[in-house]
N, C-alpha and C. Protein backbone atom coordinates (compact mmCIF):
# COMPACT_ATOMS: atom_id res chain seq x y z
N MET A 1 37.21 17.69 26.64
CA MET A 1 37.42 17.13 25.33
C MET A 1 36.81 15.73 25.21
N ASP A 2 36.83 14.95 26.28
CA ASP A 2 36.27 13.60 26.24
C ASP A 2 34.77 13.63 25.98
N VAL A 3 34.09 14.63 26.51
CA VAL A 3 32.65 14.75 26.30
C VAL A 3 32.36 15.01 24.82
N LEU A 4 33.14 15.86 24.20
CA LEU A 4 32.96 16.16 22.79
C LEU A 4 33.19 14.91 21.92
N ASN A 5 34.23 14.17 22.22
CA ASN A 5 34.50 12.92 21.50
C ASN A 5 33.37 11.91 21.69
N PHE A 6 32.85 11.85 22.93
CA PHE A 6 31.74 10.95 23.22
C PHE A 6 30.52 11.32 22.38
N ILE A 7 30.19 12.60 22.31
CA ILE A 7 29.03 13.07 21.54
C ILE A 7 29.22 12.78 20.06
N ILE A 8 30.40 13.06 19.54
CA ILE A 8 30.67 12.80 18.12
C ILE A 8 30.57 11.30 17.82
N GLU A 9 31.17 10.49 18.67
CA GLU A 9 31.13 9.03 18.46
C GLU A 9 29.70 8.50 18.55
N THR A 10 28.93 9.01 19.50
CA THR A 10 27.54 8.58 19.66
C THR A 10 26.71 8.96 18.44
N LEU A 11 26.87 10.17 17.97
CA LEU A 11 26.14 10.60 16.77
C LEU A 11 26.54 9.76 15.56
N TRP A 12 27.82 9.50 15.40
CA TRP A 12 28.31 8.71 14.28
C TRP A 12 27.73 7.28 14.31
N GLN A 13 27.76 6.66 15.50
CA GLN A 13 27.21 5.31 15.64
C GLN A 13 25.71 5.29 15.37
N GLY A 14 25.01 6.32 15.84
CA GLY A 14 23.57 6.42 15.58
C GLY A 14 23.28 6.54 14.09
N LEU A 15 24.05 7.36 13.39
CA LEU A 15 23.85 7.49 11.94
C LEU A 15 24.16 6.19 11.21
N GLU A 16 25.19 5.47 11.65
CA GLU A 16 25.50 4.17 11.04
C GLU A 16 24.35 3.19 11.25
N SER A 17 23.77 3.18 12.45
CA SER A 17 22.64 2.28 12.73
C SER A 17 21.43 2.64 11.87
N ILE A 18 21.14 3.93 11.78
CA ILE A 18 20.00 4.37 10.96
C ILE A 18 20.23 3.98 9.50
N TRP A 19 21.44 4.15 9.00
CA TRP A 19 21.76 3.77 7.63
C TRP A 19 21.56 2.26 7.43
N GLY A 20 22.01 1.46 8.40
CA GLY A 20 21.83 0.01 8.30
C GLY A 20 20.37 -0.38 8.23
N PHE A 21 19.52 0.27 9.03
CA PHE A 21 18.09 -0.01 8.97
C PHE A 21 17.49 0.46 7.66
N ALA A 22 17.89 1.65 7.20
CA ALA A 22 17.34 2.20 5.96
C ALA A 22 17.67 1.32 4.76
N VAL A 23 18.87 0.75 4.74
CA VAL A 23 19.28 -0.12 3.64
C VAL A 23 18.36 -1.34 3.56
N ILE A 24 17.81 -1.76 4.67
CA ILE A 24 16.91 -2.92 4.69
C ILE A 24 15.45 -2.50 4.48
N VAL A 25 15.01 -1.49 5.20
CA VAL A 25 13.59 -1.12 5.20
C VAL A 25 13.14 -0.52 3.87
N PHE A 26 13.91 0.39 3.30
CA PHE A 26 13.48 1.04 2.06
C PHE A 26 13.28 0.05 0.92
N PRO A 27 14.24 -0.83 0.64
CA PRO A 27 14.00 -1.82 -0.42
C PRO A 27 12.80 -2.73 -0.13
N LEU A 28 12.61 -3.10 1.16
CA LEU A 28 11.46 -3.93 1.51
C LEU A 28 10.15 -3.19 1.24
N MET A 29 10.11 -1.91 1.51
CA MET A 29 8.90 -1.13 1.25
C MET A 29 8.63 -1.07 -0.25
N ILE A 30 9.66 -0.92 -1.05
CA ILE A 30 9.49 -0.89 -2.50
C ILE A 30 9.00 -2.25 -3.00
N VAL A 31 9.60 -3.32 -2.51
CA VAL A 31 9.17 -4.67 -2.89
C VAL A 31 7.72 -4.91 -2.48
N MET A 32 7.33 -4.42 -1.31
CA MET A 32 5.96 -4.59 -0.84
C MET A 32 4.98 -3.90 -1.78
N GLU A 33 5.29 -2.71 -2.22
CA GLU A 33 4.41 -1.99 -3.14
C GLU A 33 4.33 -2.70 -4.50
N ILE A 34 5.45 -3.19 -4.98
CA ILE A 34 5.45 -3.95 -6.24
C ILE A 34 4.63 -5.22 -6.09
N ALA A 35 4.81 -5.93 -4.97
CA ALA A 35 4.06 -7.17 -4.72
C ALA A 35 2.56 -6.89 -4.70
N ARG A 36 2.18 -5.78 -4.12
CA ARG A 36 0.76 -5.41 -4.08
C ARG A 36 0.25 -5.14 -5.49
N ASP A 37 1.03 -4.43 -6.29
CA ASP A 37 0.61 -4.06 -7.65
C ASP A 37 0.50 -5.25 -8.58
N ILE A 38 1.35 -6.25 -8.42
CA ILE A 38 1.31 -7.41 -9.32
C ILE A 38 0.51 -8.58 -8.74
N HIS A 39 -0.21 -8.31 -7.65
CA HIS A 39 -1.11 -9.29 -7.02
C HIS A 39 -0.35 -10.51 -6.48
N LEU A 40 0.88 -10.30 -6.10
CA LEU A 40 1.68 -11.37 -5.50
C LEU A 40 1.13 -11.76 -4.14
N LEU A 41 0.48 -10.82 -3.48
CA LEU A 41 -0.05 -11.10 -2.14
C LEU A 41 -1.20 -12.11 -2.18
N GLU A 42 -2.03 -12.03 -3.20
CA GLU A 42 -3.10 -13.02 -3.33
C GLU A 42 -2.53 -14.41 -3.56
N TRP A 43 -1.47 -14.48 -4.37
CA TRP A 43 -0.78 -15.75 -4.61
C TRP A 43 -0.19 -16.29 -3.31
N LEU A 44 0.39 -15.40 -2.52
CA LEU A 44 0.96 -15.80 -1.25
C LEU A 44 -0.12 -16.32 -0.30
N GLY A 45 -1.30 -15.71 -0.37
CA GLY A 45 -2.42 -16.19 0.43
C GLY A 45 -2.80 -17.62 0.06
N LYS A 46 -2.74 -17.95 -1.22
CA LYS A 46 -3.04 -19.32 -1.66
C LYS A 46 -2.00 -20.31 -1.14
N ILE A 47 -0.76 -19.87 -1.09
CA ILE A 47 0.31 -20.74 -0.58
C ILE A 47 0.10 -21.03 0.91
N CYS A 48 -0.47 -20.08 1.64
CA CYS A 48 -0.67 -20.24 3.08
C CYS A 48 -1.88 -21.10 3.43
N LYS A 49 -2.66 -21.51 2.44
CA LYS A 49 -3.86 -22.31 2.75
C LYS A 49 -3.55 -23.63 3.46
N PRO A 50 -2.49 -24.37 3.08
CA PRO A 50 -2.18 -25.57 3.87
C PRO A 50 -1.88 -25.25 5.34
N LEU A 51 -1.25 -24.11 5.57
CA LEU A 51 -0.97 -23.69 6.94
C LEU A 51 -2.27 -23.44 7.70
N THR A 52 -3.26 -22.86 7.03
CA THR A 52 -4.54 -22.60 7.70
C THR A 52 -5.25 -23.90 8.05
N ARG A 53 -5.14 -24.88 7.17
CA ARG A 53 -5.75 -26.18 7.47
C ARG A 53 -5.09 -26.81 8.68
N TRP A 54 -3.76 -26.74 8.75
CA TRP A 54 -3.03 -27.32 9.87
C TRP A 54 -3.39 -26.61 11.17
N MET A 55 -3.57 -25.29 11.10
CA MET A 55 -3.89 -24.51 12.28
C MET A 55 -5.35 -24.70 12.70
N GLY A 56 -6.17 -25.24 11.80
CA GLY A 56 -7.57 -25.43 12.12
C GLY A 56 -8.40 -24.16 12.00
N VAL A 57 -7.98 -23.27 11.10
CA VAL A 57 -8.73 -22.03 10.88
C VAL A 57 -9.32 -22.04 9.49
N SER A 58 -10.22 -21.11 9.23
CA SER A 58 -10.88 -21.07 7.92
C SER A 58 -9.87 -20.71 6.83
N GLU A 59 -10.16 -21.14 5.60
CA GLU A 59 -9.28 -20.83 4.47
C GLU A 59 -9.24 -19.34 4.19
N GLU A 60 -10.27 -18.61 4.58
CA GLU A 60 -10.27 -17.16 4.41
C GLU A 60 -9.21 -16.48 5.26
N SER A 61 -8.66 -17.22 6.22
CA SER A 61 -7.60 -16.69 7.07
C SER A 61 -6.25 -16.67 6.36
N ALA A 62 -6.13 -17.33 5.22
CA ALA A 62 -4.84 -17.46 4.54
C ALA A 62 -4.28 -16.10 4.12
N PHE A 63 -5.12 -15.24 3.57
CA PHE A 63 -4.62 -13.95 3.10
C PHE A 63 -4.14 -13.07 4.26
N PRO A 64 -4.94 -12.87 5.33
CA PRO A 64 -4.44 -12.08 6.45
C PRO A 64 -3.18 -12.69 7.08
N LEU A 65 -3.12 -14.01 7.13
CA LEU A 65 -1.95 -14.68 7.68
C LEU A 65 -0.71 -14.40 6.84
N ALA A 66 -0.85 -14.48 5.53
CA ALA A 66 0.27 -14.22 4.63
C ALA A 66 0.75 -12.78 4.75
N ILE A 67 -0.18 -11.85 4.81
CA ILE A 67 0.18 -10.44 4.92
C ILE A 67 0.94 -10.19 6.22
N GLY A 68 0.44 -10.74 7.31
CA GLY A 68 1.10 -10.56 8.60
C GLY A 68 2.48 -11.20 8.65
N LEU A 69 2.61 -12.37 8.05
CA LEU A 69 3.92 -13.04 8.04
C LEU A 69 4.95 -12.23 7.27
N VAL A 70 4.57 -11.70 6.15
CA VAL A 70 5.52 -11.00 5.30
C VAL A 70 5.69 -9.53 5.72
N PHE A 71 4.60 -8.83 5.95
CA PHE A 71 4.67 -7.38 6.13
C PHE A 71 4.49 -6.90 7.56
N GLY A 72 4.11 -7.76 8.46
CA GLY A 72 4.05 -7.36 9.85
C GLY A 72 2.66 -7.15 10.41
N LEU A 73 2.64 -6.76 11.67
CA LEU A 73 1.38 -6.64 12.40
C LEU A 73 0.51 -5.48 11.93
N ALA A 74 1.12 -4.39 11.53
CA ALA A 74 0.31 -3.23 11.13
C ALA A 74 -0.53 -3.56 9.90
N TYR A 75 0.11 -4.08 8.86
CA TYR A 75 -0.65 -4.46 7.66
C TYR A 75 -1.54 -5.67 7.95
N GLY A 76 -0.99 -6.64 8.66
CA GLY A 76 -1.75 -7.85 8.98
C GLY A 76 -2.99 -7.54 9.78
N ALA A 77 -2.87 -6.66 10.77
CA ALA A 77 -4.02 -6.30 11.59
C ALA A 77 -5.09 -5.59 10.75
N GLY A 78 -4.65 -4.74 9.84
CA GLY A 78 -5.61 -4.06 8.97
C GLY A 78 -6.39 -5.04 8.13
N VAL A 79 -5.71 -6.03 7.57
CA VAL A 79 -6.38 -7.04 6.74
C VAL A 79 -7.26 -7.93 7.60
N ILE A 80 -6.80 -8.27 8.79
CA ILE A 80 -7.61 -9.10 9.70
C ILE A 80 -8.88 -8.37 10.09
N ILE A 81 -8.77 -7.10 10.45
CA ILE A 81 -9.96 -6.31 10.84
C ILE A 81 -10.93 -6.21 9.67
N LYS A 82 -10.42 -5.95 8.48
CA LYS A 82 -11.29 -5.85 7.30
C LYS A 82 -11.99 -7.19 7.04
N SER A 83 -11.25 -8.29 7.11
CA SER A 83 -11.84 -9.61 6.89
C SER A 83 -12.89 -9.92 7.94
N ALA A 84 -12.62 -9.55 9.18
CA ALA A 84 -13.59 -9.79 10.25
C ALA A 84 -14.84 -8.93 10.05
N LYS A 85 -14.66 -7.67 9.66
CA LYS A 85 -15.81 -6.78 9.42
C LYS A 85 -16.66 -7.31 8.27
N ASP A 86 -16.00 -7.89 7.25
CA ASP A 86 -16.73 -8.43 6.11
C ASP A 86 -17.38 -9.77 6.41
N GLY A 87 -17.14 -10.31 7.62
CA GLY A 87 -17.74 -11.58 8.01
C GLY A 87 -17.02 -12.80 7.44
N ASN A 88 -15.77 -12.62 6.99
CA ASN A 88 -15.02 -13.74 6.41
C ASN A 88 -14.27 -14.58 7.44
N LEU A 89 -14.18 -14.09 8.67
CA LEU A 89 -13.45 -14.82 9.70
C LEU A 89 -14.36 -15.15 10.86
N ASP A 90 -14.33 -16.39 11.29
CA ASP A 90 -15.04 -16.74 12.51
C ASP A 90 -14.15 -16.39 13.70
N LYS A 91 -14.71 -16.37 14.90
CA LYS A 91 -13.95 -15.94 16.08
C LYS A 91 -12.73 -16.82 16.32
N ARG A 92 -12.89 -18.11 16.12
CA ARG A 92 -11.79 -19.05 16.35
C ARG A 92 -10.62 -18.72 15.43
N SER A 93 -10.91 -18.52 14.16
CA SER A 93 -9.86 -18.17 13.19
C SER A 93 -9.20 -16.86 13.55
N LEU A 94 -10.01 -15.89 13.93
CA LEU A 94 -9.49 -14.58 14.31
C LEU A 94 -8.52 -14.69 15.48
N ILE A 95 -8.89 -15.44 16.48
CA ILE A 95 -8.04 -15.61 17.66
C ILE A 95 -6.76 -16.35 17.31
N LEU A 96 -6.87 -17.45 16.59
CA LEU A 96 -5.69 -18.26 16.28
C LEU A 96 -4.71 -17.56 15.34
N VAL A 97 -5.21 -16.87 14.34
CA VAL A 97 -4.33 -16.13 13.44
C VAL A 97 -3.64 -15.01 14.21
N SER A 98 -4.35 -14.36 15.09
CA SER A 98 -3.75 -13.29 15.89
C SER A 98 -2.65 -13.83 16.80
N ILE A 99 -2.88 -14.98 17.39
CA ILE A 99 -1.86 -15.60 18.25
C ILE A 99 -0.63 -15.97 17.44
N PHE A 100 -0.85 -16.60 16.28
CA PHE A 100 0.27 -16.99 15.43
C PHE A 100 1.09 -15.76 15.03
N LEU A 101 0.40 -14.70 14.59
CA LEU A 101 1.11 -13.51 14.13
C LEU A 101 1.76 -12.73 15.28
N ALA A 102 1.23 -12.86 16.48
CA ALA A 102 1.88 -12.20 17.62
C ALA A 102 3.28 -12.78 17.84
N CYS A 103 3.43 -14.07 17.58
CA CYS A 103 4.73 -14.73 17.74
C CYS A 103 5.61 -14.59 16.51
N CYS A 104 5.01 -14.61 15.35
CA CYS A 104 5.79 -14.70 14.12
C CYS A 104 5.18 -13.79 13.05
N HIS A 105 5.71 -12.58 12.97
CA HIS A 105 5.23 -11.61 11.99
C HIS A 105 6.43 -10.91 11.35
N ALA A 106 6.21 -10.35 10.19
CA ALA A 106 7.27 -9.62 9.47
C ALA A 106 8.57 -10.41 9.47
N VAL A 107 8.49 -11.67 9.04
CA VAL A 107 9.64 -12.56 9.18
C VAL A 107 10.87 -12.07 8.41
N PHE A 108 10.71 -11.42 7.28
CA PHE A 108 11.86 -10.94 6.53
C PHE A 108 12.43 -9.68 7.16
N GLU A 109 11.56 -8.70 7.36
CA GLU A 109 12.01 -7.40 7.85
C GLU A 109 12.61 -7.51 9.25
N ASP A 110 11.88 -8.10 10.19
CA ASP A 110 12.38 -8.20 11.56
C ASP A 110 13.68 -8.99 11.64
N THR A 111 13.73 -10.09 10.92
CA THR A 111 14.94 -10.90 10.96
C THR A 111 16.14 -10.12 10.43
N LEU A 112 15.96 -9.45 9.30
CA LEU A 112 17.07 -8.67 8.74
C LEU A 112 17.47 -7.51 9.64
N LEU A 113 16.50 -6.88 10.27
CA LEU A 113 16.83 -5.78 11.18
C LEU A 113 17.64 -6.27 12.37
N PHE A 114 17.26 -7.40 12.93
CA PHE A 114 18.01 -7.93 14.07
C PHE A 114 19.39 -8.45 13.65
N VAL A 115 19.51 -8.93 12.43
CA VAL A 115 20.81 -9.36 11.93
C VAL A 115 21.76 -8.17 11.86
N THR A 116 21.25 -6.99 11.50
CA THR A 116 22.11 -5.81 11.41
C THR A 116 22.71 -5.41 12.75
N ILE A 117 22.06 -5.80 13.84
CA ILE A 117 22.61 -5.47 15.16
C ILE A 117 23.29 -6.68 15.80
N GLY A 118 23.52 -7.73 15.00
CA GLY A 118 24.35 -8.83 15.47
C GLY A 118 23.65 -10.13 15.83
N ALA A 119 22.34 -10.21 15.67
CA ALA A 119 21.63 -11.44 16.01
C ALA A 119 21.86 -12.52 14.95
N ASN A 120 21.72 -13.76 15.35
CA ASN A 120 21.79 -14.88 14.43
C ASN A 120 20.41 -15.00 13.77
N GLY A 121 20.32 -14.66 12.50
CA GLY A 121 19.05 -14.64 11.79
C GLY A 121 18.33 -15.97 11.74
N TRP A 122 19.07 -17.02 11.47
CA TRP A 122 18.45 -18.35 11.38
C TRP A 122 17.91 -18.80 12.72
N MET A 123 18.67 -18.54 13.78
CA MET A 123 18.21 -18.93 15.12
C MET A 123 16.96 -18.14 15.50
N LEU A 124 16.99 -16.85 15.24
CA LEU A 124 15.85 -15.99 15.55
C LEU A 124 14.60 -16.44 14.80
N LEU A 125 14.74 -16.66 13.51
CA LEU A 125 13.61 -17.09 12.68
C LEU A 125 13.08 -18.45 13.13
N THR A 126 13.99 -19.37 13.39
CA THR A 126 13.59 -20.72 13.82
C THR A 126 12.81 -20.67 15.13
N ILE A 127 13.30 -19.92 16.10
CA ILE A 127 12.63 -19.82 17.39
C ILE A 127 11.26 -19.18 17.24
N ARG A 128 11.14 -18.14 16.43
CA ARG A 128 9.85 -17.47 16.24
C ARG A 128 8.84 -18.40 15.57
N VAL A 129 9.27 -19.10 14.54
CA VAL A 129 8.35 -19.99 13.81
C VAL A 129 7.91 -21.15 14.70
N ILE A 130 8.85 -21.78 15.39
CA ILE A 130 8.50 -22.91 16.26
C ILE A 130 7.57 -22.45 17.38
N THR A 131 7.87 -21.31 17.99
CA THR A 131 7.00 -20.78 19.05
C THR A 131 5.60 -20.53 18.53
N ALA A 132 5.50 -19.93 17.35
CA ALA A 132 4.18 -19.64 16.77
C ALA A 132 3.40 -20.92 16.52
N PHE A 133 4.05 -21.92 15.93
CA PHE A 133 3.35 -23.18 15.65
C PHE A 133 2.93 -23.89 16.93
N VAL A 134 3.83 -24.00 17.89
CA VAL A 134 3.52 -24.73 19.13
C VAL A 134 2.41 -24.03 19.91
N LEU A 135 2.54 -22.73 20.09
CA LEU A 135 1.54 -21.99 20.86
C LEU A 135 0.17 -22.03 20.17
N THR A 136 0.15 -21.85 18.86
CA THR A 136 -1.11 -21.89 18.13
C THR A 136 -1.73 -23.28 18.20
N ALA A 137 -0.90 -24.31 18.06
CA ALA A 137 -1.41 -25.69 18.13
C ALA A 137 -1.99 -25.99 19.51
N LEU A 138 -1.31 -25.58 20.56
CA LEU A 138 -1.80 -25.84 21.92
C LEU A 138 -3.13 -25.13 22.16
N ILE A 139 -3.20 -23.88 21.78
CA ILE A 139 -4.44 -23.12 22.01
C ILE A 139 -5.54 -23.62 21.08
N SER A 140 -5.18 -24.03 19.88
CA SER A 140 -6.16 -24.55 18.93
C SER A 140 -6.88 -25.78 19.47
N ARG A 141 -6.16 -26.62 20.18
CA ARG A 141 -6.74 -27.85 20.74
C ARG A 141 -7.79 -27.55 21.81
N LYS A 142 -7.62 -26.42 22.51
CA LYS A 142 -8.52 -26.07 23.61
C LYS A 142 -9.64 -25.12 23.20
N LEU A 143 -9.47 -24.45 22.08
CA LEU A 143 -10.40 -23.39 21.68
C LEU A 143 -11.55 -23.98 20.85
N LYS A 144 -12.78 -23.68 21.23
CA LYS A 144 -13.94 -24.21 20.53
C LYS A 144 -14.82 -23.13 19.93
N VAL A 145 -14.43 -21.86 20.00
CA VAL A 145 -15.24 -20.74 19.51
C VAL A 145 -15.34 -20.81 18.00
N THR A 146 -16.57 -20.75 17.44
CA THR A 146 -16.75 -20.80 15.99
C THR A 146 -17.73 -19.76 15.46
N ASP A 147 -18.28 -18.92 16.33
CA ASP A 147 -19.24 -17.91 15.86
C ASP A 147 -18.55 -16.95 14.90
N THR A 148 -19.34 -16.44 13.95
CA THR A 148 -18.82 -15.41 13.05
C THR A 148 -18.71 -14.11 13.83
N VAL A 149 -17.65 -13.39 13.58
CA VAL A 149 -17.44 -12.11 14.24
C VAL A 149 -18.42 -11.10 13.67
N LYS A 150 -19.11 -10.39 14.53
CA LYS A 150 -20.05 -9.36 14.09
C LYS A 150 -19.27 -8.08 13.79
N SER A 151 -19.58 -7.44 12.67
CA SER A 151 -18.85 -6.23 12.29
C SER A 151 -19.04 -5.13 13.34
N SER A 152 -20.20 -5.11 14.00
CA SER A 152 -20.41 -4.07 15.02
C SER A 152 -19.49 -4.27 16.20
N SER A 153 -19.18 -5.53 16.57
CA SER A 153 -18.28 -5.76 17.71
C SER A 153 -16.85 -5.36 17.36
N ILE A 154 -16.46 -5.55 16.10
CA ILE A 154 -15.13 -5.13 15.67
C ILE A 154 -15.06 -3.60 15.68
N THR A 155 -16.11 -2.96 15.18
CA THR A 155 -16.14 -1.51 15.14
C THR A 155 -16.07 -0.94 16.54
N GLU A 156 -16.79 -1.53 17.48
CA GLU A 156 -16.76 -1.06 18.86
C GLU A 156 -15.37 -1.22 19.44
N GLU A 157 -14.70 -2.33 19.16
CA GLU A 157 -13.37 -2.58 19.69
C GLU A 157 -12.36 -1.60 19.12
N VAL A 158 -12.45 -1.29 17.82
CA VAL A 158 -11.49 -0.42 17.17
C VAL A 158 -11.71 1.02 17.59
N ASP A 159 -12.98 1.45 17.69
CA ASP A 159 -13.28 2.83 18.05
C ASP A 159 -12.95 3.01 19.50
């Protein structure tokens, strides 16, 4: 009988966890689609331009940076690859934006998801943002690469 109770309790807890994630993820996906339709993402890219100046990357990096911060690595990587293929990002910008987003991406979604399992959202967000800024600043000081990324090299890397 204990095994049956264990299985029932485990299934129930799993369904509660899935529900908690769904309550956060589904509305965020809807908001993301609305933001895309009303061109809110381009506006967000403009807001990120001071951040790009501080990071020492090209202003064309603002849009991929904004996408990665809000929507995560999957969307951010897609926009970064497209920008690099189009020749809008130099290698230095590509490297620094990737480093920043590796530390701090999907700030709303990830933070809310971790809060549902008991994490302190403010502490998590603060640590991620500070780590991203410090690591990017340190690497930015040492990095001197400025060549434009060739679309063929991106294609070779992706394929």
